[in-house]
C-alpha cells in the first residue's frame, strides 16, 4: 500500500514513538515526588514549547484533540452575548461547529471571509470586517483542503493592533511551518493535533497560550493536587486540565515532537513541498488542481484534485482497490470550503504527503491518475 493521507493521520509512526508508548504502558506508574521520577506530561510540554518559541511549559495545555482544544479555548474566553467573531470559509469543523454552537446559544454573529481569486487569503479582509462588537478572530494556519497558508504573522499583528484574542487552528501546519509566539502582546491561542505531522498517536492534542492569561476553566474535575478545593485550582496547567491524562499517548507525542525538532520543520516541509509540486507539475489530463496554491507553496503537502466526469469517491475507491493507493475523498470536514471552491457536495480527491513518501511513489500515483482519467 502507498499511503497519501497524512493530513488525516500520519503513517507509519516512527519507531521512537512506538517505543515510547510501549515503555509507558509496560512500566509501573510512578507517583510525583518518588525518587528519580520524571513527569512525562511536563516533558511533553517542554518538547511542544520548542515549536513555538515559548519559555514557560505551563503555557502548554494537553488535550485529547485539536477539536477539544478549540472548544476549550472558545468556551474559556466567555465571549459576551451578541459578540461578533471573524473567521474564514476554509475552516475545519473543529472551528466551524464550536463557533456555530456558541453563536446559537449567545446570539452571536459570525463573518466567514473568502479566499482571493488566486487562492490566497488577504489579511486586509479581516481589517475591513472588524466591528465595534468584534471579540475574537479564529483562523486556520493552513487549509486541510487546498493546503493554502494564511498570513499568520500579519493576522497576529492585526489582532494585537485591535486588542482582539486570536484562535489559530494549526493542526495542518504544526511541525512544518513555524509560528514564533515569543513576543505577543494580545491573547493568542494555538490549537494543534498530535497525530498528524508531529507523528504522535491519535487521542493527543494541545493548545499553547501566548500573551495575557485570560482563559477561564471550561472542564472541571480531578487534578491530583489541591483536592480540598471546591473548584478548579487557579494555577496552570491544573486550571485547564482535569481527569486522568493520556500519559502513554503524550509520551509518544513527545517522542514524535523531538524527532521533528531534530529533523527540523523546514526540512520536513521542503520534502512535502517537493512531492506536491511534482504531482501538480504536468498533471495528467483531464485532472485539475482545485485552487492551486500561490507560488507553488505546498509546505503542508496537501493537494486537492478533481475530474470533470468522475466523482472523488469513485476515483478514491479505484486508487485503493486497483492500485493500492490510499487517499482521502469527500468534504474533509470543511463544508464551507467546498461551497466556496465550487466542489460541493461531492468534495475533492485529496492527496497529502508525509515524511515516508517518495518521488517514485508520486510517479506511480500520476500513472494511476492517467489510467483512471482516460478510462
Protein backbone atom coordinates (compact mmCIF):
# COMPACT_ATOMS: atom_id res chain seq x y z
CA UNK A 1 0.00 0.00 0.00
CA UNK A 2 1.10 3.55 -0.80
CA UNK A 3 -0.23 5.95 1.83
CA UNK A 4 -1.16 9.51 0.79
CA UNK A 5 -3.46 10.51 3.65
CA UNK A 6 -1.06 12.17 6.09
CA UNK A 7 -3.28 15.25 6.50
CA UNK A 8 -5.71 12.95 8.33
CA UNK A 9 -3.22 10.81 10.28
CA UNK A 10 0.48 10.19 9.77
CA UNK A 11 1.61 6.66 8.91
CA UNK A 12 3.73 4.77 9.71
CA UNK A 13 4.68 6.00 13.16
CA UNK A 14 8.43 6.36 13.82
CA UNK A 15 9.97 3.55 15.91
CA UNK A 16 10.83 6.05 18.67
CA UNK A 17 7.14 6.91 19.07
CA UNK A 18 6.09 3.26 19.31
CA UNK A 19 8.89 2.55 21.77
CA UNK A 20 7.88 5.46 24.00
CA UNK A 21 4.25 4.35 24.06
CA UNK A 22 5.16 0.76 24.82
CA UNK A 23 7.58 1.77 27.58
CA UNK A 24 4.90 3.95 29.20
CA UNK A 25 2.34 1.14 29.14
CA UNK A 26 4.64 -1.64 30.34
CA UNK A 27 6.33 0.17 33.22
CA UNK A 28 4.61 0.59 36.61
CA UNK A 29 3.02 4.02 37.02
CA UNK A 30 5.10 6.35 39.18
CA UNK A 31 3.82 8.91 41.62
CA UNK A 32 5.06 12.53 41.79
CA UNK A 33 7.80 13.01 44.36
CA UNK A 34 9.17 9.50 44.03
CA UNK A 35 12.97 9.23 43.72
CA UNK A 36 14.03 9.51 40.08
CA UNK A 37 10.53 10.46 38.95
CA UNK A 38 10.24 12.46 35.73
CA UNK A 39 6.89 13.98 34.82
CA UNK A 40 6.07 12.64 31.31
CA UNK A 41 3.44 15.34 30.81
CA UNK A 42 5.89 18.11 31.64
CA UNK A 43 8.45 16.57 29.29
CA UNK A 44 5.84 16.63 26.53
CA UNK A 45 5.03 20.26 27.31
CA UNK A 46 8.71 21.19 27.09
CA UNK A 47 9.05 19.47 23.72
CA UNK A 48 5.98 21.25 22.31
CA UNK A 49 7.20 24.55 23.74
CA UNK A 50 10.19 24.34 21.43
CA UNK A 51 7.94 24.54 18.36
CA UNK A 52 6.59 27.98 19.29
CA UNK A 53 9.45 29.93 20.86
CA UNK A 54 7.82 29.82 24.29
CA UNK A 55 9.71 29.78 27.57
CA UNK A 56 7.05 28.59 30.02
CA UNK A 57 5.93 24.95 29.63
CA UNK A 58 2.89 25.66 31.80
CA UNK A 59 1.54 27.66 28.85
CA UNK A 60 1.14 24.32 27.01
CA UNK A 61 -2.22 22.67 27.77
CA UNK A 62 -2.60 18.99 26.86
CA UNK A 63 -5.92 17.79 25.44
CA UNK A 64 -7.41 14.76 23.69
CA UNK A 65 -7.57 16.50 20.29
CA UNK A 66 -7.32 19.80 18.46
CA UNK A 67 -11.13 19.83 18.31
CA UNK A 68 -11.36 19.68 22.10
CA UNK A 69 -8.70 22.40 22.31
CA UNK A 70 -10.71 24.72 20.05
CA UNK A 71 -13.86 24.12 22.10
CA UNK A 72 -11.99 24.74 25.35
CA UNK A 73 -10.50 27.98 24.09
CA UNK A 74 -13.77 29.34 22.71
CA UNK A 75 -15.74 28.45 25.84
CA UNK A 76 -12.97 29.58 28.16
CA UNK A 77 -12.94 33.07 26.63
CA UNK A 78 -16.55 33.58 27.77
CA UNK A 79 -17.39 35.98 24.96
CA UNK A 80 -20.36 38.21 25.89
CA UNK A 81 -23.73 37.56 24.22
CA UNK A 82 -24.15 39.37 20.91
CA UNK A 83 -20.42 39.30 20.16
CA UNK A 84 -19.08 39.20 16.61
CA UNK A 85 -16.44 36.68 15.51
CA UNK A 86 -14.42 36.74 12.28
CA UNK A 87 -13.25 33.52 10.68
CA UNK A 88 -12.83 32.14 7.15
CA UNK A 89 -14.73 29.89 4.81
CA UNK A 90 -11.76 27.49 4.77
CA UNK A 91 -12.10 26.33 8.36
CA UNK A 92 -12.36 22.74 9.54
CA UNK A 93 -15.41 21.73 11.56
CA UNK A 94 -13.16 21.86 14.63
CA UNK A 95 -13.70 25.63 14.43
CA UNK A 96 -16.92 25.89 12.43
CA UNK A 97 -19.10 23.78 14.72
CA UNK A 98 -17.95 25.20 18.08
CA UNK A 99 -18.48 28.70 16.67
CA UNK A 100 -21.94 27.78 15.38
CA UNK A 101 -22.91 26.27 18.74
CA UNK A 102 -21.63 29.35 20.58
CA UNK A 103 -23.49 31.70 18.22
CA UNK A 104 -26.78 29.79 18.60
CA UNK A 105 -26.53 29.91 22.39
CA UNK A 106 -25.34 33.52 22.69
CA UNK A 107 -26.99 35.42 19.83
CA UNK A 108 -23.55 35.73 18.31
CA UNK A 109 -22.65 36.80 14.78
CA UNK A 110 -20.02 35.17 12.59
CA UNK A 111 -18.38 36.57 9.46
CA UNK A 112 -16.84 34.00 7.08
CA UNK A 113 -14.16 35.55 4.89
CA UNK A 114 -13.36 34.10 1.43
CA UNK A 115 -10.07 33.48 -0.36
CA UNK A 116 -8.79 35.76 -3.09
CA UNK A 117 -9.12 34.76 -6.75
CA UNK A 118 -5.54 33.46 -6.80
CA UNK A 119 -6.28 31.07 -3.91
CA UNK A 120 -4.54 33.15 -1.24
CA UNK A 121 -6.01 34.76 1.87
CA UNK A 122 -5.70 38.51 2.46
CA UNK A 123 -5.46 39.83 6.00
CA UNK A 124 -6.91 43.07 4.63
CA UNK A 125 -10.30 41.38 4.58
CA UNK A 126 -10.08 40.98 8.36
CA UNK A 127 -9.33 44.64 8.87
CA UNK A 128 -12.36 45.59 6.77
CA UNK A 129 -14.63 43.16 8.65
CA UNK A 130 -13.80 44.26 12.22
CA UNK A 131 -16.70 45.91 14.05
CA UNK A 132 -17.11 47.52 17.45
CA UNK A 133 -18.71 44.24 18.59
CA UNK A 134 -15.89 42.00 17.30
CA UNK A 135 -14.47 39.96 20.16
CA UNK A 136 -12.49 37.14 18.51
CA UNK A 137 -10.55 36.21 15.38
CA UNK A 138 -10.41 32.48 14.60
CA UNK A 139 -8.43 31.14 11.65
CA UNK A 140 -6.72 28.05 10.39
CA UNK A 141 -3.00 28.36 9.72
CA UNK A 142 -3.23 26.01 6.75
CA UNK A 143 -6.27 24.65 4.92
CA UNK A 144 -6.75 20.91 5.06
CA UNK A 145 -8.45 21.08 1.63
CA UNK A 146 -6.04 23.10 -0.52
CA UNK A 147 -3.03 23.49 1.78
CA UNK A 148 -3.09 27.28 1.41
CA UNK A 149 -1.23 29.03 4.22
CA UNK A 150 -2.81 32.01 5.92
CA UNK A 151 -0.51 35.04 6.53
CA UNK A 152 -0.40 34.38 10.25
CA UNK A 153 2.25 36.94 11.18
CA UNK A 154 0.06 39.65 9.65
CA UNK A 155 -3.03 38.29 11.40
CA UNK A 156 -1.23 38.15 14.76
CA UNK A 157 -0.11 41.76 14.29
CA UNK A 158 -3.64 42.84 13.37
CA UNK A 159 -5.11 41.08 16.41
CA UNK A 160 -2.62 42.86 18.67
CA UNK A 161 -3.36 46.19 16.99
CA UNK A 162 -7.08 45.78 17.70
CA UNK A 163 -6.57 44.09 21.12
CA UNK A 164 -8.51 41.03 19.96
CA UNK A 165 -7.95 37.43 21.07
CA UNK A 166 -6.82 35.16 18.26
CA UNK A 167 -7.53 31.44 17.95
CA UNK A 168 -5.29 29.62 15.46
CA UNK A 169 -6.00 26.07 14.30
CA UNK A 170 -2.52 24.78 13.47
CA UNK A 171 -3.47 21.13 13.05
CA UNK A 172 -2.16 21.01 9.47
CA UNK A 173 0.87 23.25 9.94
CA UNK A 174 2.40 22.41 13.31
CA UNK A 175 5.72 20.66 12.85
CA UNK A 176 6.02 22.01 9.31
CA UNK A 177 5.52 25.80 9.32
CA UNK A 178 6.98 27.55 12.38
CA UNK A 179 4.97 30.01 14.46
CA UNK A 180 7.04 32.21 16.78
CA UNK A 181 4.95 33.31 19.75
CA UNK A 182 7.84 34.66 21.79
CA UNK A 183 6.77 38.32 21.74
CA UNK A 184 2.99 38.54 21.82
CA UNK A 185 1.04 41.41 23.40
CA UNK A 186 -2.55 40.19 22.93
CA UNK A 187 -4.04 36.78 23.78
CA UNK A 188 -3.10 34.19 21.14
CA UNK A 189 -4.13 30.54 21.36
CA UNK A 190 -2.75 27.91 19.01
CA UNK A 191 -4.52 24.55 18.87
CA UNK A 192 -2.81 21.52 17.37
CA UNK A 193 -3.25 17.80 16.74
CA UNK A 194 -0.66 15.28 17.84
CA UNK A 195 -1.38 12.59 15.24
CA UNK A 196 -0.51 14.43 12.02
CA UNK A 197 2.92 15.93 11.19
CA UNK A 198 4.05 15.58 14.81
CA UNK A 199 3.80 11.78 14.38
CA UNK A 200 2.12 11.21 17.75
CA UNK A 201 -0.72 8.74 18.39
CA UNK A 202 -4.44 9.51 17.96
CA UNK A 203 -6.10 10.92 21.05
CA UNK A 204 -3.39 13.54 21.62
CA UNK A 205 -3.81 17.26 21.11
CA UNK A 206 -2.85 20.51 22.79
CA UNK A 207 -3.05 24.25 22.75
CA UNK A 208 -0.46 26.85 23.64
CA UNK A 209 -1.15 30.27 25.08
CA UNK A 210 0.77 33.47 24.43
CA UNK A 211 0.13 36.97 25.70
CA UNK A 212 -2.17 37.77 28.64
CA UNK A 213 -3.58 34.81 30.56
CA UNK A 214 -7.34 35.30 30.14
CA UNK A 215 -8.76 31.79 29.73
CA UNK A 216 -11.32 30.53 32.25
CA UNK A 217 -11.72 26.81 33.04
CA UNK A 218 -14.29 25.02 30.90
CA UNK A 219 -13.80 21.49 32.19
CA UNK A 220 -13.56 20.58 35.86
CA UNK A 221 -12.59 17.52 37.84
CA UNK A 222 -9.71 15.72 39.44
CA UNK A 223 -6.21 17.14 39.14
CA UNK A 224 -4.25 15.18 41.74
CA UNK A 225 -3.43 18.40 43.60
CA UNK A 226 -5.42 20.84 45.78
CA UNK A 227 -8.05 18.15 46.24
CA UNK A 228 -9.72 20.10 49.07
CA UNK A 229 -10.57 22.98 46.71
CA UNK A 230 -14.24 23.11 45.71
CA UNK A 231 -13.43 24.42 42.22
CA UNK A 232 -10.55 24.05 39.78
CA UNK A 233 -7.20 25.22 41.15
CA UNK A 234 -6.32 28.67 39.74
CA UNK A 235 -2.78 27.84 38.65
CA UNK A 236 -1.71 26.40 35.29
CA UNK A 237 -1.96 23.77 33.98
CA UNK A 238 -4.49 22.47 36.54
CA UNK A 239 -6.96 25.29 35.86
CA UNK A 240 -7.35 24.00 32.27
CA UNK A 241 -6.76 20.24 32.63
CA UNK A 242 -8.84 17.71 34.54
CA UNK A 243 -9.17 13.94 34.70
CA UNK A 244 -6.69 11.13 34.19
CA UNK A 245 -4.34 12.17 31.38
CA UNK A 246 -3.35 10.05 28.39
CA UNK A 247 0.17 9.59 29.73
CA UNK A 248 1.23 6.93 27.24
CA UNK A 249 -0.15 8.96 24.34
CA UNK A 250 1.73 12.06 25.40
CA UNK A 251 4.90 10.01 25.86
CA UNK A 252 4.53 9.03 22.21
CA UNK A 253 3.77 12.61 21.19
CA UNK A 254 6.89 13.85 22.96
CA UNK A 255 8.98 11.33 21.02
CA UNK A 256 7.41 12.48 17.76
CA UNK A 257 7.98 16.16 18.52
CA UNK A 258 11.62 15.56 19.45
CA UNK A 259 12.13 13.81 16.11
CA UNK A 260 10.51 16.73 14.27
CA UNK A 261 12.77 19.19 16.09
CA UNK A 262 15.82 17.10 15.27
CA UNK A 263 14.98 16.88 11.57
CA UNK A 264 13.65 20.49 11.64
CA UNK A 265 10.21 21.56 10.39
CA UNK A 266 11.82 23.36 7.45
CA UNK A 267 13.39 20.17 6.09
CA UNK A 268 10.20 18.15 6.61
CA UNK A 269 8.10 20.82 4.88
CA UNK A 270 10.53 21.09 1.96
CA UNK A 271 10.20 17.35 1.33
CA UNK A 272 6.40 17.56 1.27
CA UNK A 273 6.52 20.62 -0.97
CA UNK A 274 8.78 18.88 -3.48
CA UNK A 275 6.43 15.89 -3.68
CA UNK A 276 3.35 18.11 -4.10
CA UNK A 277 4.99 20.26 -6.76
CA UNK A 278 5.99 17.11 -8.63
CA UNK A 279 2.39 15.92 -8.61
CA UNK A 280 0.96 19.28 -9.66
CA UNK A 281 3.51 19.76 -12.43
CA UNK A 282 2.45 18.07 -15.68
CA UNK A 283 -0.71 16.68 -14.12
CA UNK A 284 -2.35 14.13 -16.44
CA UNK A 285 -5.33 15.34 -18.50
CA UNK A 286 -8.19 15.93 -17.63
CA UNK A 287 -7.33 16.32 -13.95
CA UNK A 288 -7.18 19.78 -12.39
CA UNK A 289 -5.83 21.11 -9.13
CA UNK A 290 -8.55 22.70 -7.02
CA UNK A 291 -7.41 26.21 -6.05
CA UNK A 292 -3.66 25.87 -6.73
CA UNK A 293 -1.53 27.47 -4.03
CA UNK A 294 0.13 30.78 -4.93
CA UNK A 295 3.79 30.41 -5.93
CA UNK A 296 3.57 26.64 -5.53
CA UNK A 297 3.77 26.84 -1.73
CA UNK A 298 2.78 23.32 -0.67
CA UNK A 299 4.73 23.09 2.58
CA UNK A 300 1.98 21.07 4.28
CA UNK A 301 1.94 18.60 1.38
CA UNK A 302 -1.81 18.91 0.70
CA UNK A 303 -3.23 18.90 -2.86
CA UNK A 304 -6.89 18.59 -3.87
CA UNK A 305 -7.80 17.23 -7.32
CA UNK A 306 -11.00 16.99 -9.32
CA UNK A 307 -12.07 15.19 -12.50
CA UNK A 308 -14.78 16.60 -14.82
CA UNK A 309 -16.62 13.28 -15.15
CA UNK A 310 -15.66 11.07 -12.21
CA UNK A 311 -16.61 11.68 -8.59
CA UNK A 312 -13.90 11.85 -5.91
CA UNK A 313 -15.34 8.77 -4.19
CA UNK A 314 -15.28 6.78 -7.45
CA UNK A 315 -11.66 7.72 -8.10
CA UNK A 316 -10.61 7.17 -4.50
CA UNK A 317 -12.03 3.67 -4.48
CA UNK A 318 -10.34 2.86 -7.80
CA UNK A 319 -6.99 4.06 -6.47
CA UNK A 320 -7.49 1.99 -3.35
CA UNK A 321 -8.80 -1.23 -4.85
CA UNK A 322 -6.92 -1.37 -8.17
CA UNK A 323 -3.64 0.42 -7.47
CA UNK A 324 -3.23 0.01 -3.69
CA UNK A 325 -3.04 3.77 -3.14
CA UNK A 326 -4.68 5.26 -0.05
CA UNK A 327 -6.02 8.83 -0.39
CA UNK A 328 -8.98 10.76 1.04
CA UNK A 329 -12.12 11.88 -0.76
CA UNK A 330 -15.14 13.93 0.19
CA UNK A 331 -15.61 17.18 2.10
CA UNK A 332 -12.71 16.67 4.56
CA UNK A 333 -14.81 18.15 7.40
CA UNK A 334 -14.67 21.57 5.72
CA UNK A 335 -18.06 22.08 4.00
CA UNK A 336 -17.83 25.86 3.60
CA UNK A 337 -14.51 25.50 1.79
CA UNK A 338 -16.13 23.33 -0.87
CA UNK A 339 -19.07 25.69 -1.24
CA UNK A 340 -16.56 28.49 -1.81
CA UNK A 341 -14.41 26.44 -4.22
CA UNK A 342 -17.32 25.06 -6.23
CA UNK A 343 -16.68 21.44 -5.25
CA UNK A 344 -19.75 20.98 -3.03
CA UNK A 345 -21.33 18.50 -2.34
CA UNK A 346 -19.01 15.80 -3.71
CA UNK A 347 -15.80 17.39 -2.44
CA UNK A 348 -12.37 16.58 -3.79
CA UNK A 349 -9.81 13.84 -4.06
CA UNK A 350 -7.17 14.88 -1.53
CA UNK A 351 -3.56 13.79 -1.78
CA UNK A 352 -1.50 14.59 1.31
CA UNK A 353 2.16 13.72 1.55
CA UNK A 354 4.29 12.78 4.53
CA UNK A 355 7.83 12.07 5.55
CA UNK A 356 7.70 8.45 4.34
CA UNK A 357 6.60 9.24 0.78
CA UNK A 358 8.99 9.29 -2.19
CA UNK A 359 9.21 10.70 -5.70
CA UNK A 360 8.87 7.15 -7.03
CA UNK A 361 5.51 6.85 -5.28
CA UNK A 362 4.38 10.15 -6.82
CA UNK A 363 5.24 8.77 -10.26
CA UNK A 364 3.12 5.68 -9.53
CA UNK A 365 0.24 7.92 -8.46
CA UNK A 366 0.46 10.05 -11.61
CA UNK A 367 0.42 6.95 -13.77
CA UNK A 368 -2.63 5.65 -11.91
CA UNK A 369 -4.39 9.01 -12.33
CA UNK A 370 -3.59 8.91 -16.06
CA UNK A 371 -5.09 5.45 -16.43
CA UNK A 372 -8.21 6.38 -14.46
CA UNK A 373 -8.57 9.69 -16.27
CA UNK A 374 -8.50 8.04 -19.67
CA UNK A 375 -10.79 5.15 -18.75
